[in-house]
Amino acid sequence: MISWTHLTHFGDLTITALLAFAITAWLLVEDERKLAACWSGLFLSALGIVTLTKMAFIGWGIFIPVLDFTGFSGHAMRATAVFPVLSYLLFQRSPSLVRTWGVLAGFALAGMIGLSRLVLHSHSVSEVVAGTLLGGMVSAGFMLIAGSLRKHIFTKVRIALCLAALLPAPYVQPAPTQEWLTGVSLFFSGHERPFLRVDCREAGVWRCPRDFAGDD
């Protein structure tokens, strides 16, 4: 039985970014440039929002104490953006009922990945919910736009190859995104150490005091 640790890997940047890139690449192969630009714009915009909120906390201590919120969950956002879209494209040629259940399965997998972040104590409830909603906006927006075109964009062979990329997910070394974000945030904020959730909880304010970052 797959563990929560293995399950959470499916939302890691190494897997979801690869799948997001594959969607863009194959849209371009099918000469769907506008749709490729739409998908890339939606996904990258959401990724930017996640990054900025995390940097705001790590580097400047921006915190919402009543929600225990330090930033959008990247795993939840990416999973909810990518997996429903993959399911949608996979079942494009299927009857509407099958297509609907396929998309729901994609959302269910994303929901389990979000839940894994809570089980592993990586995020608060508000952060996972926010990430899930943001990712859901990306996938829903793309599916609405793609559905309006009434085209069969992906072949099953291409989708099968895309899904094959998920097989090694439980064994892939997670990308050190937190370390990357911490380094960039400290560089721009000028602080010596990052703000920590436990310290900001104790402060109980929307912006942690400067000395909580360990500055002299």
C-alpha atoms as a PDB file:
ATOM      1  CA  MET A   1       0.000   0.000   0.000  1.00  0.00           C
ATOM      2  CA  ILE A   2       1.347   3.419  -0.955  1.00  0.00           C
ATOM      3  CA  SER A   3       2.381   5.589   1.970  1.00  0.00           C
ATOM      4  CA  TRP A   4       1.547   9.237   2.545  1.00  0.00           C
ATOM      5  CA  THR A   5       5.207  10.079   1.913  1.00  0.00           C
ATOM      6  CA  HIS A   6       5.124   8.345  -1.472  1.00  0.00           C
ATOM      7  CA  LEU A   7       1.780   9.921  -2.313  1.00  0.00           C
ATOM      8  CA  THR A   8       2.992  13.448  -1.573  1.00  0.00           C
ATOM      9  CA  HIS A   9       5.820  12.960  -4.101  1.00  0.00           C
ATOM     10  CA  PHE A  10       3.237  13.060  -6.894  1.00  0.00           C
ATOM     11  CA  GLY A  11       2.786  16.758  -6.143  1.00  0.00           C
ATOM     12  CA  ASP A  12       6.495  17.516  -6.094  1.00  0.00           C
ATOM     13  CA  LEU A  13       7.910  20.016  -8.559  1.00  0.00           C
ATOM     14  CA  THR A  14      10.012  17.355 -10.281  1.00  0.00           C
ATOM     15  CA  ILE A  15       6.865  15.483 -11.340  1.00  0.00           C
ATOM     16  CA  THR A  16       4.243  18.195 -11.794  1.00  0.00           C
ATOM     17  CA  ALA A  17       6.518  20.646 -13.611  1.00  0.00           C
ATOM     18  CA  LEU A  18       7.563  17.884 -16.003  1.00  0.00           C
ATOM     19  CA  LEU A  19       3.928  17.019 -16.712  1.00  0.00           C
ATOM     20  CA  ALA A  20       2.994  20.683 -17.121  1.00  0.00           C
ATOM     21  CA  PHE A  21       5.854  21.114 -19.584  1.00  0.00           C
ATOM     22  CA  ALA A  22       4.779  17.964 -21.451  1.00  0.00           C
ATOM     23  CA  ILE A  23       1.252  19.359 -21.831  1.00  0.00           C
ATOM     24  CA  THR A  24       2.659  22.589 -23.267  1.00  0.00           C
ATOM     25  CA  ALA A  25       5.049  20.765 -25.602  1.00  0.00           C
ATOM     26  CA  TRP A  26       2.397  18.475 -27.021  1.00  0.00           C
ATOM     27  CA  LEU A  27      -0.039  21.332 -27.485  1.00  0.00           C
ATOM     28  CA  LEU A  28       2.624  23.018 -29.589  1.00  0.00           C
ATOM     29  CA  VAL A  29       3.177  19.791 -31.540  1.00  0.00           C
ATOM     30  CA  GLU A  30      -0.546  19.796 -32.332  1.00  0.00           C
ATOM     31  CA  ASP A  31      -0.157  23.431 -33.489  1.00  0.00           C
ATOM     32  CA  GLU A  32      -2.418  24.639 -30.679  1.00  0.00           C
ATOM     33  CA  ARG A  33      -0.270  27.656 -29.892  1.00  0.00           C
ATOM     34  CA  LYS A  34      -2.968  29.772 -28.287  1.00  0.00           C
ATOM     35  CA  LEU A  35      -4.061  26.922 -26.046  1.00  0.00           C
ATOM     36  CA  ALA A  36      -0.427  26.187 -25.148  1.00  0.00           C
ATOM     37  CA  ALA A  37       0.044  29.847 -24.228  1.00  0.00           C
ATOM     38  CA  CYS A  38      -3.170  29.754 -22.198  1.00  0.00           C
ATOM     39  CA  TRP A  39      -2.076  26.673 -20.256  1.00  0.00           C
ATOM     40  CA  SER A  40       1.427  28.009 -19.669  1.00  0.00           C
ATOM     41  CA  GLY A  41       0.093  31.392 -18.580  1.00  0.00           C
ATOM     42  CA  LEU A  42      -2.381  29.914 -16.119  1.00  0.00           C
ATOM     43  CA  PHE A  43       0.063  27.437 -14.605  1.00  0.00           C
ATOM     44  CA  LEU A  44       3.001  29.841 -14.361  1.00  0.00           C
ATOM     45  CA  SER A  45       0.808  32.593 -12.895  1.00  0.00           C
ATOM     46  CA  ALA A  46      -0.391  30.264 -10.150  1.00  0.00           C
ATOM     47  CA  LEU A  47       3.169  29.089  -9.565  1.00  0.00           C
ATOM     48  CA  GLY A  48       4.218  32.720  -9.225  1.00  0.00           C
ATOM     49  CA  ILE A  49       1.495  33.402  -6.651  1.00  0.00           C
ATOM     50  CA  VAL A  50       2.617  30.413  -4.592  1.00  0.00           C
ATOM     51  CA  THR A  51       6.237  31.517  -4.763  1.00  0.00           C
ATOM     52  CA  LEU A  52       5.529  35.134  -3.792  1.00  0.00           C
ATOM     53  CA  THR A  53       3.398  34.188  -0.776  1.00  0.00           C
ATOM     54  CA  LYS A  54       6.053  31.781   0.466  1.00  0.00           C
ATOM     55  CA  MET A  55       8.805  34.354  -0.015  1.00  0.00           C
ATOM     56  CA  ALA A  56       6.731  36.974   1.784  1.00  0.00           C
ATOM     57  CA  PHE A  57       6.684  34.770   4.872  1.00  0.00           C
ATOM     58  CA  ILE A  58      10.225  33.379   4.728  1.00  0.00           C
ATOM     59  CA  GLY A  59      11.904  36.707   4.071  1.00  0.00           C
ATOM     60  CA  TRP A  60       9.578  39.287   5.626  1.00  0.00           C
ATOM     61  CA  GLY A  61       7.458  37.353   8.139  1.00  0.00           C
ATOM     62  CA  ILE A  62       4.096  38.111   6.475  1.00  0.00           C
ATOM     63  CA  PHE A  63       1.710  35.815   8.356  1.00  0.00           C
ATOM     64  CA  ILE A  64      -2.034  35.459   8.879  1.00  0.00           C
ATOM     65  CA  PRO A  65      -2.242  34.166  12.480  1.00  0.00           C
ATOM     66  CA  VAL A  66      -5.984  33.500  12.591  1.00  0.00           C
ATOM     67  CA  LEU A  67      -5.601  31.106   9.625  1.00  0.00           C
ATOM     68  CA  ASP A  68      -2.105  29.862  10.482  1.00  0.00           C
ATOM     69  CA  PHE A  69      -1.267  30.861   6.907  1.00  0.00           C
ATOM     70  CA  THR A  70       2.305  31.245   5.636  1.00  0.00           C
ATOM     71  CA  GLY A  71       1.629  30.781   1.907  1.00  0.00           C
ATOM     72  CA  PHE A  72      -0.197  28.642  -0.651  1.00  0.00           C
ATOM     73  CA  SER A  73       0.660  24.950  -0.662  1.00  0.00           C
ATOM     74  CA  GLY A  74       2.663  24.359  -3.827  1.00  0.00           C
ATOM     75  CA  HIS A  75       1.990  20.611  -3.828  1.00  0.00           C
ATOM     76  CA  ALA A  76      -1.767  21.145  -3.569  1.00  0.00           C
ATOM     77  CA  MET A  77      -1.779  23.854  -6.246  1.00  0.00           C
ATOM     78  CA  ARG A  78       0.321  21.959  -8.765  1.00  0.00           C
ATOM     79  CA  ALA A  79      -1.521  18.680  -8.257  1.00  0.00           C
ATOM     80  CA  THR A  80      -4.952  20.266  -8.641  1.00  0.00           C
ATOM     81  CA  ALA A  81      -3.802  22.151 -11.727  1.00  0.00           C
ATOM     82  CA  VAL A  82      -2.111  19.257 -13.534  1.00  0.00           C
ATOM     83  CA  PHE A  83      -3.928  15.989 -12.800  1.00  0.00           C
ATOM     84  CA  PRO A  84      -7.497  17.047 -13.695  1.00  0.00           C
ATOM     85  CA  VAL A  85      -6.167  18.502 -16.971  1.00  0.00           C
ATOM     86  CA  LEU A  86      -4.359  15.261 -17.779  1.00  0.00           C
ATOM     87  CA  SER A  87      -7.551  13.309 -17.095  1.00  0.00           C
ATOM     88  CA  TYR A  88      -9.561  15.723 -19.218  1.00  0.00           C
ATOM     89  CA  LEU A  89      -7.206  15.316 -22.156  1.00  0.00           C
ATOM     90  CA  LEU A  90      -6.971  11.551 -21.749  1.00  0.00           C
ATOM     91  CA  PHE A  91     -10.757  11.096 -21.902  1.00  0.00           C
ATOM     92  CA  GLN A  92     -11.524  13.685 -24.580  1.00  0.00           C
ATOM     93  CA  ARG A  93     -12.773  11.056 -27.023  1.00  0.00           C
ATOM     94  CA  SER A  94     -14.756   9.178 -24.389  1.00  0.00           C
ATOM     95  CA  PRO A  95     -18.479   9.524 -23.597  1.00  0.00           C
ATOM     96  CA  SER A  96     -19.340  12.507 -21.421  1.00  0.00           C
ATOM     97  CA  LEU A  97     -20.001  10.344 -18.354  1.00  0.00           C
ATOM     98  CA  VAL A  98     -16.587   8.665 -18.620  1.00  0.00           C
ATOM     99  CA  ARG A  99     -14.933  12.029 -19.224  1.00  0.00           C
ATOM    100  CA  THR A 100     -16.625  13.503 -16.153  1.00  0.00           C
ATOM    101  CA  TRP A 101     -15.568  10.627 -13.921  1.00  0.00           C
ATOM    102  CA  GLY A 102     -12.030  10.857 -15.296  1.00  0.00           C
ATOM    103  CA  VAL A 103     -11.769  14.517 -14.386  1.00  0.00           C
ATOM    104  CA  LEU A 104     -13.231  13.815 -10.949  1.00  0.00           C
ATOM    105  CA  ALA A 105     -10.591  11.106 -10.473  1.00  0.00           C
ATOM    106  CA  GLY A 106      -7.933  13.700 -11.280  1.00  0.00           C
ATOM    107  CA  PHE A 107      -9.363  16.028  -8.652  1.00  0.00           C
ATOM    108  CA  ALA A 108      -9.577  13.123  -6.186  1.00  0.00           C
ATOM    109  CA  LEU A 109      -5.886  12.315  -6.656  1.00  0.00           C
ATOM    110  CA  ALA A 110      -5.038  15.987  -6.175  1.00  0.00           C
ATOM    111  CA  GLY A 111      -7.171  16.043  -3.036  1.00  0.00           C
ATOM    112  CA  MET A 112      -5.297  13.053  -1.629  1.00  0.00           C
ATOM    113  CA  ILE A 113      -1.990  14.781  -2.331  1.00  0.00           C
ATOM    114  CA  GLY A 114      -3.268  17.848  -0.488  1.00  0.00           C
ATOM    115  CA  LEU A 115      -4.361  15.634   2.406  1.00  0.00           C
ATOM    116  CA  SER A 116      -0.900  14.075   2.514  1.00  0.00           C
ATOM    117  CA  ARG A 117       0.559  17.525   3.207  1.00  0.00           C
ATOM    118  CA  LEU A 118      -1.646  17.746   6.303  1.00  0.00           C
ATOM    119  CA  VAL A 119      -0.874  14.217   7.467  1.00  0.00           C
ATOM    120  CA  LEU A 120       2.852  14.901   7.129  1.00  0.00           C
ATOM    121  CA  HIS A 121       2.437  18.240   8.973  1.00  0.00           C
ATOM    122  CA  SER A 122       3.930  20.155   6.040  1.00  0.00           C
ATOM    123  CA  HIS A 123       1.109  22.715   5.850  1.00  0.00           C
ATOM    124  CA  SER A 124      -1.876  24.064   7.744  1.00  0.00           C
ATOM    125  CA  VAL A 125      -5.437  23.456   6.576  1.00  0.00           C
ATOM    126  CA  SER A 126      -5.758  26.995   5.231  1.00  0.00           C
ATOM    127  CA  GLU A 127      -2.603  26.620   3.132  1.00  0.00           C
ATOM    128  CA  VAL A 128      -3.747  23.350   1.564  1.00  0.00           C
ATOM    129  CA  VAL A 129      -7.252  24.684   0.909  1.00  0.00           C
ATOM    130  CA  ALA A 130      -5.832  27.859  -0.659  1.00  0.00           C
ATOM    131  CA  GLY A 131      -3.463  25.854  -2.850  1.00  0.00           C
ATOM    132  CA  THR A 132      -6.242  23.497  -3.910  1.00  0.00           C
ATOM    133  CA  LEU A 133      -8.561  26.375  -4.849  1.00  0.00           C
ATOM    134  CA  LEU A 134      -5.821  28.116  -6.820  1.00  0.00           C
ATOM    135  CA  GLY A 135      -4.929  24.950  -8.704  1.00  0.00           C
ATOM    136  CA  GLY A 136      -8.610  24.244  -9.293  1.00  0.00           C
ATOM    137  CA  MET A 137      -8.991  27.651 -10.911  1.00  0.00           C
ATOM    138  CA  VAL A 138      -6.123  26.797 -13.277  1.00  0.00           C
ATOM    139  CA  SER A 139      -7.494  23.412 -14.323  1.00  0.00           C
ATOM    140  CA  ALA A 140     -11.110  24.582 -14.561  1.00  0.00           C
ATOM    141  CA  GLY A 141     -10.100  27.638 -16.575  1.00  0.00           C
ATOM    142  CA  PHE A 142      -8.079  25.556 -19.013  1.00  0.00           C
ATOM    143  CA  MET A 143     -10.814  22.948 -19.441  1.00  0.00           C
ATOM    144  CA  LEU A 144     -13.417  25.635 -20.127  1.00  0.00           C
ATOM    145  CA  ILE A 145     -11.235  27.202 -22.789  1.00  0.00           C
ATOM    146  CA  ALA A 146     -10.214  23.873 -24.338  1.00  0.00           C
ATOM    147  CA  GLY A 147     -13.820  22.649 -24.277  1.00  0.00           C
ATOM    148  CA  SER A 148     -14.977  25.692 -26.203  1.00  0.00           C
ATOM    149  CA  LEU A 149     -12.656  24.719 -29.063  1.00  0.00           C
ATOM    150  CA  ARG A 150     -14.301  21.297 -29.457  1.00  0.00           C
ATOM    151  CA  LYS A 151     -11.061  19.726 -30.659  1.00  0.00           C
ATOM    152  CA  HIS A 152      -9.435  16.411 -29.821  1.00  0.00           C
ATOM    153  CA  ILE A 153      -6.036  17.752 -28.918  1.00  0.00           C
ATOM    154  CA  PHE A 154      -4.125  14.795 -27.505  1.00  0.00           C
ATOM    155  CA  THR A 155      -3.834  11.267 -28.840  1.00  0.00           C
ATOM    156  CA  LYS A 156      -3.970   8.409 -26.362  1.00  0.00           C
ATOM    157  CA  VAL A 157      -0.368   7.476 -27.183  1.00  0.00           C
ATOM    158  CA  ARG A 158       0.906  10.892 -26.117  1.00  0.00           C
ATOM    159  CA  ILE A 159      -1.196  10.827 -22.972  1.00  0.00           C
ATOM    160  CA  ALA A 160       0.035   7.317 -22.136  1.00  0.00           C
ATOM    161  CA  LEU A 161       3.619   8.530 -22.407  1.00  0.00           C
ATOM    162  CA  CYS A 162       2.743  11.479 -20.196  1.00  0.00           C
ATOM    163  CA  LEU A 163       1.176   9.247 -17.557  1.00  0.00           C
ATOM    164  CA  ALA A 164       4.193   6.927 -17.721  1.00  0.00           C
ATOM    165  CA  ALA A 165       6.194   9.776 -16.230  1.00  0.00           C
ATOM    166  CA  LEU A 166       4.220   9.255 -13.015  1.00  0.00           C
ATOM    167  CA  LEU A 167       5.440   5.679 -12.464  1.00  0.00           C
ATOM    168  CA  PRO A 168       8.761   6.577 -10.802  1.00  0.00           C
ATOM    169  CA  ALA A 169       7.147   9.341  -8.718  1.00  0.00           C
ATOM    170  CA  PRO A 170       7.330   7.500  -5.361  1.00  0.00           C
ATOM    171  CA  TYR A 171      11.065   6.979  -5.882  1.00  0.00           C
ATOM    172  CA  VAL A 172      12.026  10.400  -7.234  1.00  0.00           C
ATOM    173  CA  GLN A 173      14.157  12.566  -4.969  1.00  0.00           C
ATOM    174  CA  PRO A 174      12.060  15.652  -4.094  1.00  0.00           C
ATOM    175  CA  ALA A 175      13.311  18.955  -5.465  1.00  0.00           C
ATOM    176  CA  PRO A 176      14.784  21.165  -2.701  1.00  0.00           C
ATOM    177  CA  THR A 177      12.274  23.925  -3.413  1.00  0.00           C
ATOM    178  CA  GLN A 178      12.137  25.083   0.211  1.00  0.00           C
ATOM    179  CA  GLU A 179      15.897  25.558   0.295  1.00  0.00           C
ATOM    180  CA  TRP A 180      15.792  27.458  -3.001  1.00  0.00           C
ATOM    181  CA  LEU A 181      13.015  29.731  -1.798  1.00  0.00           C
ATOM    182  CA  THR A 182      14.764  30.335   1.510  1.00  0.00           C
ATOM    183  CA  GLY A 183      17.998  31.349  -0.197  1.00  0.00           C
ATOM    184  CA  VAL A 184      16.270  33.739  -2.604  1.00  0.00           C
ATOM    185  CA  SER A 185      14.029  35.207   0.112  1.00  0.00           C
ATOM    186  CA  LEU A 186      16.940  35.903   2.461  1.00  0.00           C
ATOM    187  CA  PHE A 187      18.946  37.442  -0.376  1.00  0.00           C
ATOM    188  CA  PHE A 188      16.230  39.962  -1.203  1.00  0.00           C
ATOM    189  CA  SER A 189      15.066  40.632   2.369  1.00  0.00           C
ATOM    190  CA  GLY A 190      18.560  41.035   3.767  1.00  0.00           C
ATOM    191  CA  HIS A 191      17.770  38.893   6.814  1.00  0.00           C
ATOM    192  CA  GLU A 192      20.234  36.375   8.180  1.00  0.00           C
ATOM    193  CA  ARG A 193      17.705  33.664   9.000  1.00  0.00           C
ATOM    194  CA  PRO A 194      14.213  32.837   7.752  1.00  0.00           C
ATOM    195  CA  PHE A 195      11.064  33.502   9.740  1.00  0.00           C
ATOM    196  CA  LEU A 196       9.616  30.339  11.286  1.00  0.00           C
ATOM    197  CA  ARG A 197       5.979  29.363  11.764  1.00  0.00           C
ATOM    198  CA  VAL A 198       6.404  28.593  15.473  1.00  0.00           C
ATOM    199  CA  ASP A 199       7.848  32.060  16.158  1.00  0.00           C
ATOM    200  CA  CYS A 200       5.127  33.833  14.231  1.00  0.00           C
ATOM    201  CA  ARG A 201       2.459  31.845  16.054  1.00  0.00           C
ATOM    202  CA  GLU A 202       3.869  33.135  19.319  1.00  0.00           C
ATOM    203  CA  ALA A 203       3.930  36.691  18.023  1.00  0.00           C
ATOM    204  CA  GLY A 204       0.294  36.449  16.934  1.00  0.00           C
ATOM    205  CA  VAL A 205       0.506  39.356  14.472  1.00  0.00           C
ATOM    206  CA  TRP A 206       0.235  39.583  10.688  1.00  0.00           C
ATOM    207  CA  ARG A 207       3.909  40.499  10.411  1.00  0.00           C
ATOM    208  CA  CYS A 208       6.461  38.930  12.726  1.00  0.00           C
ATOM    209  CA  PRO A 209       8.852  41.254  14.565  1.00  0.00           C
ATOM    210  CA  ARG A 210      12.188  41.675  12.793  1.00  0.00           C
ATOM    211  CA  ASP A 211      14.146  40.054  15.627  1.00  0.00           C
ATOM    212  CA  PHE A 212      12.266  36.792  15.057  1.00  0.00           C
ATOM    213  CA  ALA A 213      14.418  36.301  11.952  1.00  0.00           C
ATOM    214  CA  GLY A 214      17.512  36.230  14.093  1.00  0.00           C
ATOM    215  CA  ASP A 215      18.924  39.589  12.968  1.00  0.00           C
ATOM    216  CA  ASP A 216      21.246  41.458  15.294  1.00  0.00           C
END
